[in-house]
Amino acid sequence: MDLTGPAPGLRIGPLRLEPPVVLAPMAGVTTRAFRRLCRDYGPGGLYVSEMLTARALVEGNERTARMLRFDADERPRSAQLYGVAPGTVGEATRRLIGDFGVEHVDLNFGCPAPKVTAKGGGAALPVRRRLLADVIGAAVRAAAADGIPVTVKFRRGIDDGLLTALSTGRIAEAEGAAAVALHARTAEQRYAGDASWAAIAELKAAVTTIPVLGNGDIWEAHDAVRMMAETGCDGVVIGRGCLGRPWLFADLGAVFAGRPAAPPPVFAVVAEVMLRHAELLAEDEGEPAGLCSFRRHAAWYTQGYAIGAPGPRHRCLPGRAGRSARRDRPGVGPAARSGALATGSHRRAPPRPPARRLAAPRRRSDPTGRRRDPRQRRLSQIQRD
């Protein structure tokens, strides 16, 4: 794909996205407050709310309903569902559309969290192809009467020995999904290591009648352009690269329009954005809960800045040491705080999610003395089934 000029827009069913950019749903992150900030920087994209459990929505769970708050001017309204029962997913889709005015529904088949995969959902479900088709088909049929597009997001597979991306994409296409998005890592990788952009190119070659979006290792705006050029995908999904950096969507809008991205903001500007984000969270959740939620964002906003230092050091510390630096810290973007000072680059390091969310789960020893991740037993059982 030639992207030397402005990038073409993206159509997902009746929705037209310019630029072809989607905000990935992230638990505790893509709240109404954060989506508002991102939309202010990058109008024209698709901003998906946090993942919802289909059963909780059908049962009228109040906390789930609170997660479906949208601004009056937020269009299109987008939500992501997780579920393993076709009937429940279909009913949840109808309620999203009828009760909450949702205009785009995304289905999650990529979550690698043990509490999700242990129930056969998320990244574990594509192994069961018949059930996968039933779940997608139920959502598509429930949304069809209102003309609402349903999309599907998934991973490469369970691990390198059990890859399911191509079959999942073909099933989604056959069941009437409006688009598919691939996070180019396996469930075993979670968020570590490099994303395999080659897998996105393979999926694009296999799925020919609906748009294919790519996700993984987009830390800067030019990464999105490079992904589309290298893989031929129709758009990009932005996840952890925008944590503490909602202005990334302004950079994406610029590069997709053929303009250069703006230089990184000085910390005085970042502080203003932080204050606005905290105020929005306080409005939505109340001041105590909102400020408690903001703590994780504060760590992401300030990463790479020399807080409290005088003069030029208020500008962001360097942190772009190239793709090789990303491998130094699994699961995050350009690495090293120490390497950042040595490179002399003007780019700040993309934010790192809290260690407690990325740390490996506790492992237990079996009678043979080997240490084994309990998640792997569940994944192995799914493979046998």
Protein backbone atom coordinates (compact mmCIF):
# COMPACT_ATOMS: atom_id res chain seq x y z
CA MET A 1 0.00 0.00 0.00
CA ASP A 2 1.35 3.40 -1.02
CA LEU A 3 0.89 5.97 1.73
CA THR A 4 3.10 8.73 0.40
CA GLY A 5 0.00 10.95 0.23
CA PRO A 6 -3.11 11.21 2.43
CA ALA A 7 -4.44 7.84 3.55
CA PRO A 8 -7.84 6.71 2.32
CA GLY A 9 -10.68 6.66 4.82
CA LEU A 10 -12.06 3.47 6.31
CA ARG A 11 -15.66 2.28 6.00
CA ILE A 12 -17.08 -0.13 8.57
CA GLY A 13 -20.64 -0.85 7.51
CA PRO A 14 -22.33 2.57 7.37
CA LEU A 15 -19.58 4.23 9.43
CA ARG A 16 -16.94 6.33 7.72
CA LEU A 17 -13.68 6.82 9.63
CA GLU A 18 -11.20 9.51 8.62
CA PRO A 19 -8.46 8.86 9.63
CA PRO A 20 -8.68 5.02 9.65
CA VAL A 21 -7.98 4.81 13.39
CA VAL A 22 -9.74 2.92 16.21
CA LEU A 23 -9.12 3.26 19.94
CA ALA A 24 -8.86 -0.23 21.43
CA PRO A 25 -11.07 -0.94 24.44
CA MET A 26 -8.98 -1.15 27.62
CA ALA A 27 -10.36 -2.02 31.04
CA GLY A 28 -10.30 0.93 33.41
CA VAL A 29 -8.83 3.17 30.70
CA THR A 30 -11.24 3.86 27.85
CA THR A 31 -13.83 5.48 30.07
CA ARG A 32 -15.96 8.38 28.88
CA ALA A 33 -13.36 10.82 30.26
CA PHE A 34 -10.43 9.34 28.33
CA ARG A 35 -12.48 8.92 25.16
CA ARG A 36 -13.44 12.59 25.32
CA LEU A 37 -9.79 13.62 25.48
CA CYS A 38 -8.89 11.35 22.57
CA ARG A 39 -11.82 12.61 20.48
CA ASP A 40 -10.81 16.21 21.11
CA TYR A 41 -7.38 15.46 19.68
CA GLY A 42 -8.51 13.18 16.87
CA PRO A 43 -12.05 13.71 15.63
CA GLY A 44 -13.16 11.31 12.96
CA GLY A 45 -11.90 8.06 14.48
CA LEU A 46 -13.76 5.30 16.34
CA TYR A 47 -13.40 5.27 20.12
CA VAL A 48 -14.51 2.05 21.80
CA SER A 49 -15.61 1.88 25.43
CA GLU A 50 -14.39 -0.68 27.97
CA MET A 51 -15.09 -4.37 27.45
CA LEU A 52 -18.48 -5.45 28.85
CA THR A 53 -19.58 -8.89 29.94
CA ALA A 54 -22.66 -9.94 27.98
CA ARG A 55 -24.22 -11.82 30.89
CA ALA A 56 -23.81 -8.88 33.29
CA LEU A 57 -25.46 -6.57 30.78
CA VAL A 58 -28.41 -8.93 30.24
CA GLU A 59 -28.85 -9.36 33.99
CA GLY A 60 -28.99 -5.60 34.50
CA ASN A 61 -25.77 -5.20 36.45
CA GLU A 62 -25.54 -1.56 37.57
CA ARG A 63 -21.78 -1.32 37.31
CA THR A 64 -21.90 -2.57 33.73
CA ALA A 65 -24.58 -0.03 32.89
CA ARG A 66 -22.42 2.77 34.31
CA MET A 67 -19.66 1.79 31.91
CA LEU A 68 -22.00 2.64 29.03
CA ARG A 69 -22.00 6.40 29.57
CA PHE A 70 -21.50 8.48 26.45
CA ASP A 71 -21.25 12.20 25.78
CA ALA A 72 -24.16 13.75 23.93
CA ASP A 73 -21.89 14.54 20.98
CA GLU A 74 -20.07 11.19 20.98
CA ARG A 75 -20.71 9.67 17.57
CA PRO A 76 -20.53 6.89 16.76
CA ARG A 77 -21.17 5.28 20.12
CA SER A 78 -19.11 2.11 20.34
CA ALA A 79 -18.97 -0.76 22.83
CA GLN A 80 -17.19 -4.10 23.08
CA LEU A 81 -18.82 -7.32 24.29
CA TYR A 82 -17.31 -10.46 25.75
CA GLY A 83 -19.38 -13.64 26.00
CA VAL A 84 -19.38 -17.36 25.31
CA ALA A 85 -23.13 -18.09 24.96
CA PRO A 86 -24.66 -17.15 21.59
CA GLY A 87 -28.10 -16.40 23.04
CA THR A 88 -26.70 -14.14 25.74
CA VAL A 89 -24.45 -12.30 23.30
CA GLY A 90 -27.37 -11.77 20.93
CA GLU A 91 -29.58 -10.37 23.69
CA ALA A 92 -26.77 -8.17 24.99
CA THR A 93 -26.29 -6.79 21.48
CA ARG A 94 -29.99 -5.91 21.24
CA ARG A 95 -29.84 -4.12 24.60
CA LEU A 96 -26.73 -2.18 23.67
CA ILE A 97 -28.52 -0.87 20.60
CA GLY A 98 -32.01 -0.41 22.01
CA ASP A 99 -31.27 0.79 25.56
CA PHE A 100 -27.97 2.63 25.17
CA GLY A 101 -28.00 3.85 21.57
CA VAL A 102 -24.81 2.02 20.61
CA GLU A 103 -23.94 2.40 16.92
CA HIS A 104 -21.08 -0.08 16.69
CA VAL A 105 -20.56 -3.39 18.51
CA ASP A 106 -17.18 -5.10 18.75
CA LEU A 107 -16.79 -8.71 19.89
CA ASN A 108 -13.78 -9.61 22.00
CA PHE A 109 -11.96 -12.83 21.13
CA GLY A 110 -8.52 -11.53 22.07
CA CYS A 111 -8.44 -11.00 25.82
CA PRO A 112 -5.62 -13.14 27.31
CA ALA A 113 -6.56 -12.57 30.97
CA PRO A 114 -6.72 -15.87 32.88
CA LYS A 115 -10.12 -15.04 34.41
CA VAL A 116 -11.50 -14.82 30.85
CA THR A 117 -9.65 -17.66 29.10
CA ALA A 118 -10.30 -20.00 32.04
CA LYS A 119 -14.00 -19.83 31.12
CA GLY A 120 -13.27 -20.58 27.49
CA GLY A 121 -13.76 -16.98 26.39
CA GLY A 122 -11.58 -14.23 25.00
CA ALA A 123 -8.50 -15.52 23.21
CA ALA A 124 -9.41 -19.14 24.02
CA LEU A 125 -12.75 -19.19 22.18
CA PRO A 126 -11.52 -19.19 18.55
CA VAL A 127 -10.23 -22.72 19.05
CA ARG A 128 -13.89 -23.84 19.16
CA ARG A 129 -14.83 -22.87 15.64
CA ARG A 130 -18.49 -23.88 15.69
CA LEU A 131 -19.14 -21.93 18.89
CA LEU A 132 -17.21 -18.99 17.48
CA ALA A 133 -19.43 -18.92 14.41
CA ASP A 134 -22.57 -19.16 16.54
CA VAL A 135 -21.53 -16.26 18.81
CA ILE A 136 -20.60 -13.98 15.89
CA GLY A 137 -23.73 -14.92 13.97
CA ALA A 138 -25.97 -14.22 16.97
CA ALA A 139 -24.55 -10.72 17.39
CA VAL A 140 -24.72 -9.94 13.67
CA ARG A 141 -28.36 -11.03 13.42
CA ALA A 142 -29.31 -9.06 16.54
CA ALA A 143 -27.77 -5.90 15.10
CA ALA A 144 -28.95 -6.34 11.51
CA ALA A 145 -32.45 -4.91 11.99
CA ASP A 146 -30.99 -1.56 13.04
CA GLY A 147 -28.17 -1.58 10.51
CA ILE A 148 -25.52 -1.59 13.23
CA PRO A 149 -22.10 -3.00 12.23
CA VAL A 150 -20.52 -5.77 14.28
CA THR A 151 -16.75 -6.21 14.22
CA VAL A 152 -14.48 -8.91 15.65
CA LYS A 153 -11.13 -8.48 17.40
CA PHE A 154 -8.85 -11.45 18.05
CA ARG A 155 -5.25 -12.63 18.39
CA ARG A 156 -2.94 -14.81 16.32
CA GLY A 157 -3.88 -17.84 18.40
CA ILE A 158 -3.20 -19.63 21.69
CA ASP A 159 0.52 -19.96 21.07
CA ASP A 160 2.86 -20.48 18.14
CA GLY A 161 1.76 -24.11 17.95
CA LEU A 162 -1.97 -23.33 17.75
CA LEU A 163 -2.62 -20.36 15.48
CA THR A 164 -6.23 -19.48 14.76
CA ALA A 165 -6.15 -16.02 13.15
CA LEU A 166 -6.88 -17.09 9.58
CA SER A 167 -9.77 -19.39 10.51
CA THR A 168 -11.22 -16.77 12.84
CA GLY A 169 -11.06 -14.10 10.16
CA ARG A 170 -12.74 -16.33 7.58
CA ILE A 171 -15.49 -17.33 10.03
CA ALA A 172 -16.15 -13.70 10.94
CA GLU A 173 -16.32 -12.79 7.25
CA ALA A 174 -18.73 -15.65 6.52
CA GLU A 175 -21.00 -14.76 9.46
CA GLY A 176 -21.45 -11.18 8.31
CA ALA A 177 -19.01 -9.19 10.43
CA ALA A 178 -18.35 -5.69 9.09
CA ALA A 179 -14.59 -5.79 9.81
CA VAL A 180 -11.95 -7.76 11.69
CA ALA A 181 -9.00 -6.58 13.77
CA LEU A 182 -5.95 -8.65 14.63
CA HIS A 183 -3.72 -8.12 17.65
CA ALA A 184 -0.60 -9.67 16.21
CA ARG A 185 0.44 -11.55 19.34
CA THR A 186 -0.64 -14.90 20.78
CA ALA A 187 -2.50 -15.38 24.04
CA GLU A 188 0.66 -16.94 25.48
CA GLN A 189 2.60 -13.75 24.73
CA ARG A 190 -0.03 -11.55 26.31
CA TYR A 191 1.66 -8.14 25.79
CA ALA A 192 5.31 -9.25 25.67
CA GLY A 193 7.67 -9.45 22.73
CA ASP A 194 7.22 -7.98 19.27
CA ALA A 195 3.93 -8.14 17.41
CA SER A 196 4.07 -10.19 14.21
CA TRP A 197 2.99 -7.77 11.51
CA ALA A 198 3.47 -10.56 8.98
CA ALA A 199 0.39 -12.22 10.51
CA ILE A 200 -1.64 -9.10 9.71
CA ALA A 201 -0.51 -9.29 6.09
CA GLU A 202 -1.52 -12.97 5.95
CA LEU A 203 -4.94 -12.18 7.35
CA LYS A 204 -5.42 -9.37 4.85
CA ALA A 205 -4.64 -11.80 2.02
CA ALA A 206 -7.13 -14.34 3.42
CA VAL A 207 -10.02 -11.97 4.22
CA THR A 208 -10.91 -10.08 1.07
CA THR A 209 -14.48 -8.76 1.36
CA ILE A 210 -14.33 -6.76 4.61
CA PRO A 211 -11.73 -4.41 6.12
CA VAL A 212 -8.83 -5.83 8.09
CA LEU A 213 -7.32 -3.71 10.87
CA GLY A 214 -3.94 -4.19 12.52
CA ASN A 215 -2.99 -3.83 16.18
CA GLY A 216 0.32 -4.18 18.00
CA ASP A 217 3.51 -2.13 18.45
CA ILE A 218 2.07 1.20 17.32
CA TRP A 219 3.89 3.56 19.65
CA GLU A 220 4.20 6.60 17.39
CA ALA A 221 2.13 7.93 14.50
CA HIS A 222 4.66 6.87 11.88
CA ASP A 223 4.37 3.27 13.18
CA ALA A 224 0.73 3.25 12.03
CA VAL A 225 1.68 4.43 8.56
CA ARG A 226 4.43 1.84 8.36
CA MET A 227 2.08 -0.95 9.48
CA MET A 228 -0.41 -0.12 6.74
CA ALA A 229 2.34 0.14 4.15
CA GLU A 230 3.96 -3.17 5.13
CA THR A 231 0.83 -5.26 5.68
CA GLY A 232 -1.75 -3.71 3.35
CA CYS A 233 -4.25 -3.50 6.24
CA ASP A 234 -7.12 -1.03 5.96
CA GLY A 235 -6.73 0.70 9.33
CA VAL A 236 -5.08 0.53 12.72
CA VAL A 237 -6.19 -0.11 16.29
CA ILE A 238 -4.36 1.89 18.96
CA GLY A 239 -3.93 0.37 22.42
CA ARG A 240 -1.17 0.94 24.94
CA GLY A 241 0.63 3.45 22.73
CA CYS A 242 -1.87 6.15 23.72
CA LEU A 243 -1.68 5.61 27.49
CA GLY A 244 -0.84 8.99 28.95
CA ARG A 245 -0.69 10.36 25.40
CA PRO A 246 -4.17 11.18 24.05
CA TRP A 247 -2.49 13.63 21.66
CA LEU A 248 -1.24 10.60 19.72
CA PHE A 249 -4.57 10.77 17.87
CA ALA A 250 -3.72 14.30 16.69
CA ASP A 251 -0.40 12.96 15.41
CA LEU A 252 -2.20 10.12 13.64
CA GLY A 253 -4.62 12.53 12.01
CA ALA A 254 -1.68 14.61 10.79
CA VAL A 255 0.39 11.80 9.30
CA PHE A 256 -2.60 10.18 7.63
CA ALA A 257 -3.38 13.55 6.05
CA GLY A 258 0.17 13.77 4.75
CA ARG A 259 1.39 16.28 7.33
CA PRO A 260 4.23 15.82 9.85
CA ALA A 261 3.35 15.01 13.45
CA ALA A 262 3.82 17.76 16.03
CA PRO A 263 6.82 17.58 18.38
CA PRO A 264 6.18 16.09 21.81
CA PRO A 265 4.52 18.55 24.22
CA VAL A 266 6.45 20.24 27.01
CA PHE A 267 5.46 19.16 30.47
CA ALA A 268 3.49 22.36 31.14
CA VAL A 269 1.10 21.29 28.37
CA VAL A 270 1.01 17.72 29.69
CA ALA A 271 0.10 19.04 33.15
CA GLU A 272 -2.88 20.88 31.69
CA VAL A 273 -4.08 17.68 30.01
CA MET A 274 -3.63 15.77 33.27
CA LEU A 275 -5.72 18.32 35.14
CA ARG A 276 -8.47 18.13 32.52
CA HIS A 277 -8.45 14.33 32.64
CA ALA A 278 -8.68 14.32 36.45
CA GLU A 279 -11.57 16.79 36.34
CA LEU A 280 -13.48 14.66 33.84
CA LEU A 281 -12.99 11.54 35.93
CA ALA A 282 -14.15 13.38 39.04
CA GLU A 283 -17.28 14.53 37.20
CA ASP A 284 -18.09 10.98 36.10
CA GLU A 285 -17.16 8.98 39.18
CA GLY A 286 -17.13 11.48 42.04
CA GLU A 287 -13.96 13.07 43.32
CA PRO A 288 -12.62 10.27 45.59
CA ALA A 289 -13.17 7.46 43.08
CA GLY A 290 -12.21 9.61 40.10
CA LEU A 291 -8.89 10.70 41.58
CA CYS A 292 -8.17 7.14 42.65
CA SER A 293 -8.75 6.05 39.04
CA PHE A 294 -6.50 8.85 37.81
CA ARG A 295 -3.43 7.61 39.69
CA ARG A 296 -2.54 5.06 37.02
CA HIS A 297 -2.92 7.71 34.32
CA ALA A 298 -0.63 10.08 36.23
CA ALA A 299 2.18 7.53 36.06
CA TRP A 300 1.71 7.19 32.30
CA TYR A 301 1.53 10.94 31.66
CA THR A 302 4.74 11.69 33.57
CA GLN A 303 6.86 8.84 32.27
CA GLY A 304 9.92 10.20 30.47
CA TYR A 305 9.78 13.68 31.98
CA ALA A 306 12.27 15.14 34.47
CA ILE A 307 9.69 16.41 36.94
CA GLY A 308 10.83 19.41 38.99
CA ALA A 309 14.05 20.07 37.07
CA PRO A 310 14.59 23.64 35.86
CA GLY A 311 14.80 25.04 32.37
CA PRO A 312 15.07 22.85 29.26
CA ARG A 313 14.74 19.63 31.26
CA HIS A 314 11.04 20.34 31.51
CA ARG A 315 10.95 19.03 27.98
CA CYS A 316 10.50 15.30 27.64
CA LEU A 317 13.52 13.12 28.20
CA PRO A 318 14.73 11.16 25.17
CA GLY A 319 13.45 7.65 24.93
CA ARG A 320 13.27 6.46 21.35
CA ALA A 321 16.14 4.05 20.84
CA GLY A 322 14.49 2.22 17.93
CA ARG A 323 12.66 -1.09 17.66
CA SER A 324 15.54 -2.98 19.29
CA ALA A 325 14.98 -1.02 22.50
CA ARG A 326 11.40 -2.30 22.69
CA ARG A 327 12.71 -5.77 23.30
CA ASP A 328 14.54 -4.65 26.44
CA ARG A 329 11.29 -4.46 28.41
CA PRO A 330 8.70 -7.06 27.45
CA GLY A 331 5.25 -5.77 26.78
CA VAL A 332 6.01 -2.08 26.44
CA GLY A 333 7.32 0.29 23.83
CA PRO A 334 10.77 1.83 23.57
CA ALA A 335 12.72 0.79 26.58
CA ALA A 336 15.06 2.01 28.94
CA ARG A 337 15.14 5.00 31.18
CA SER A 338 18.91 4.67 31.33
CA GLY A 339 19.18 4.22 27.58
CA ALA A 340 16.92 7.21 27.09
CA LEU A 341 19.49 9.54 28.59
CA ALA A 342 22.22 8.15 26.36
CA THR A 343 20.51 8.36 22.98
CA GLY A 344 20.11 12.12 22.71
CA SER A 345 16.76 11.62 20.97
CA HIS A 346 13.97 14.15 21.58
CA ARG A 347 11.22 11.54 21.72
CA ARG A 348 9.79 10.44 25.04
CA ALA A 349 9.26 6.80 25.85
CA PRO A 350 5.68 5.60 25.40
CA PRO A 351 3.97 4.94 28.73
CA ARG A 352 4.34 1.68 30.54
CA PRO A 353 1.26 0.12 32.13
CA PRO A 354 1.58 -0.60 35.86
CA ALA A 355 3.77 -3.58 36.62
CA ARG A 356 1.03 -5.25 38.59
CA ARG A 357 -1.08 -5.57 35.44
CA LEU A 358 1.70 -7.03 33.33
CA ALA A 359 3.48 -9.20 35.86
CA ALA A 360 3.32 -12.92 35.29
CA PRO A 361 0.81 -14.74 37.50
CA ARG A 362 2.02 -16.74 40.44
CA ARG A 363 3.14 -20.18 39.47
CA ARG A 364 2.61 -23.37 41.41
CA SER A 365 4.82 -26.43 41.48
CA ASP A 366 3.46 -29.80 40.44
CA PRO A 367 4.51 -33.09 42.17
CA THR A 368 7.40 -33.52 39.75
CA GLY A 369 8.93 -30.27 40.93
CA ARG A 370 8.30 -28.42 37.68
CA ARG A 371 6.74 -24.98 37.84
CA ARG A 372 3.77 -24.62 35.57
CA ASP A 373 1.45 -21.71 34.84
CA PRO A 374 -2.12 -22.79 35.74
CA ARG A 375 -3.37 -20.98 32.63
CA GLN A 376 -1.43 -23.36 30.43
CA ARG A 377 -3.31 -26.33 31.86
CA ARG A 378 -6.56 -24.70 30.84
CA LEU A 379 -5.27 -23.86 27.35
CA SER A 380 -3.96 -27.42 26.96
CA GLN A 381 -7.39 -28.76 27.94
CA ILE A 382 -9.04 -26.52 25.34
CA GLN A 383 -6.67 -27.83 22.68
CA ARG A 384 -7.52 -31.44 23.60
CA ASP A 385 -11.24 -30.68 23.44
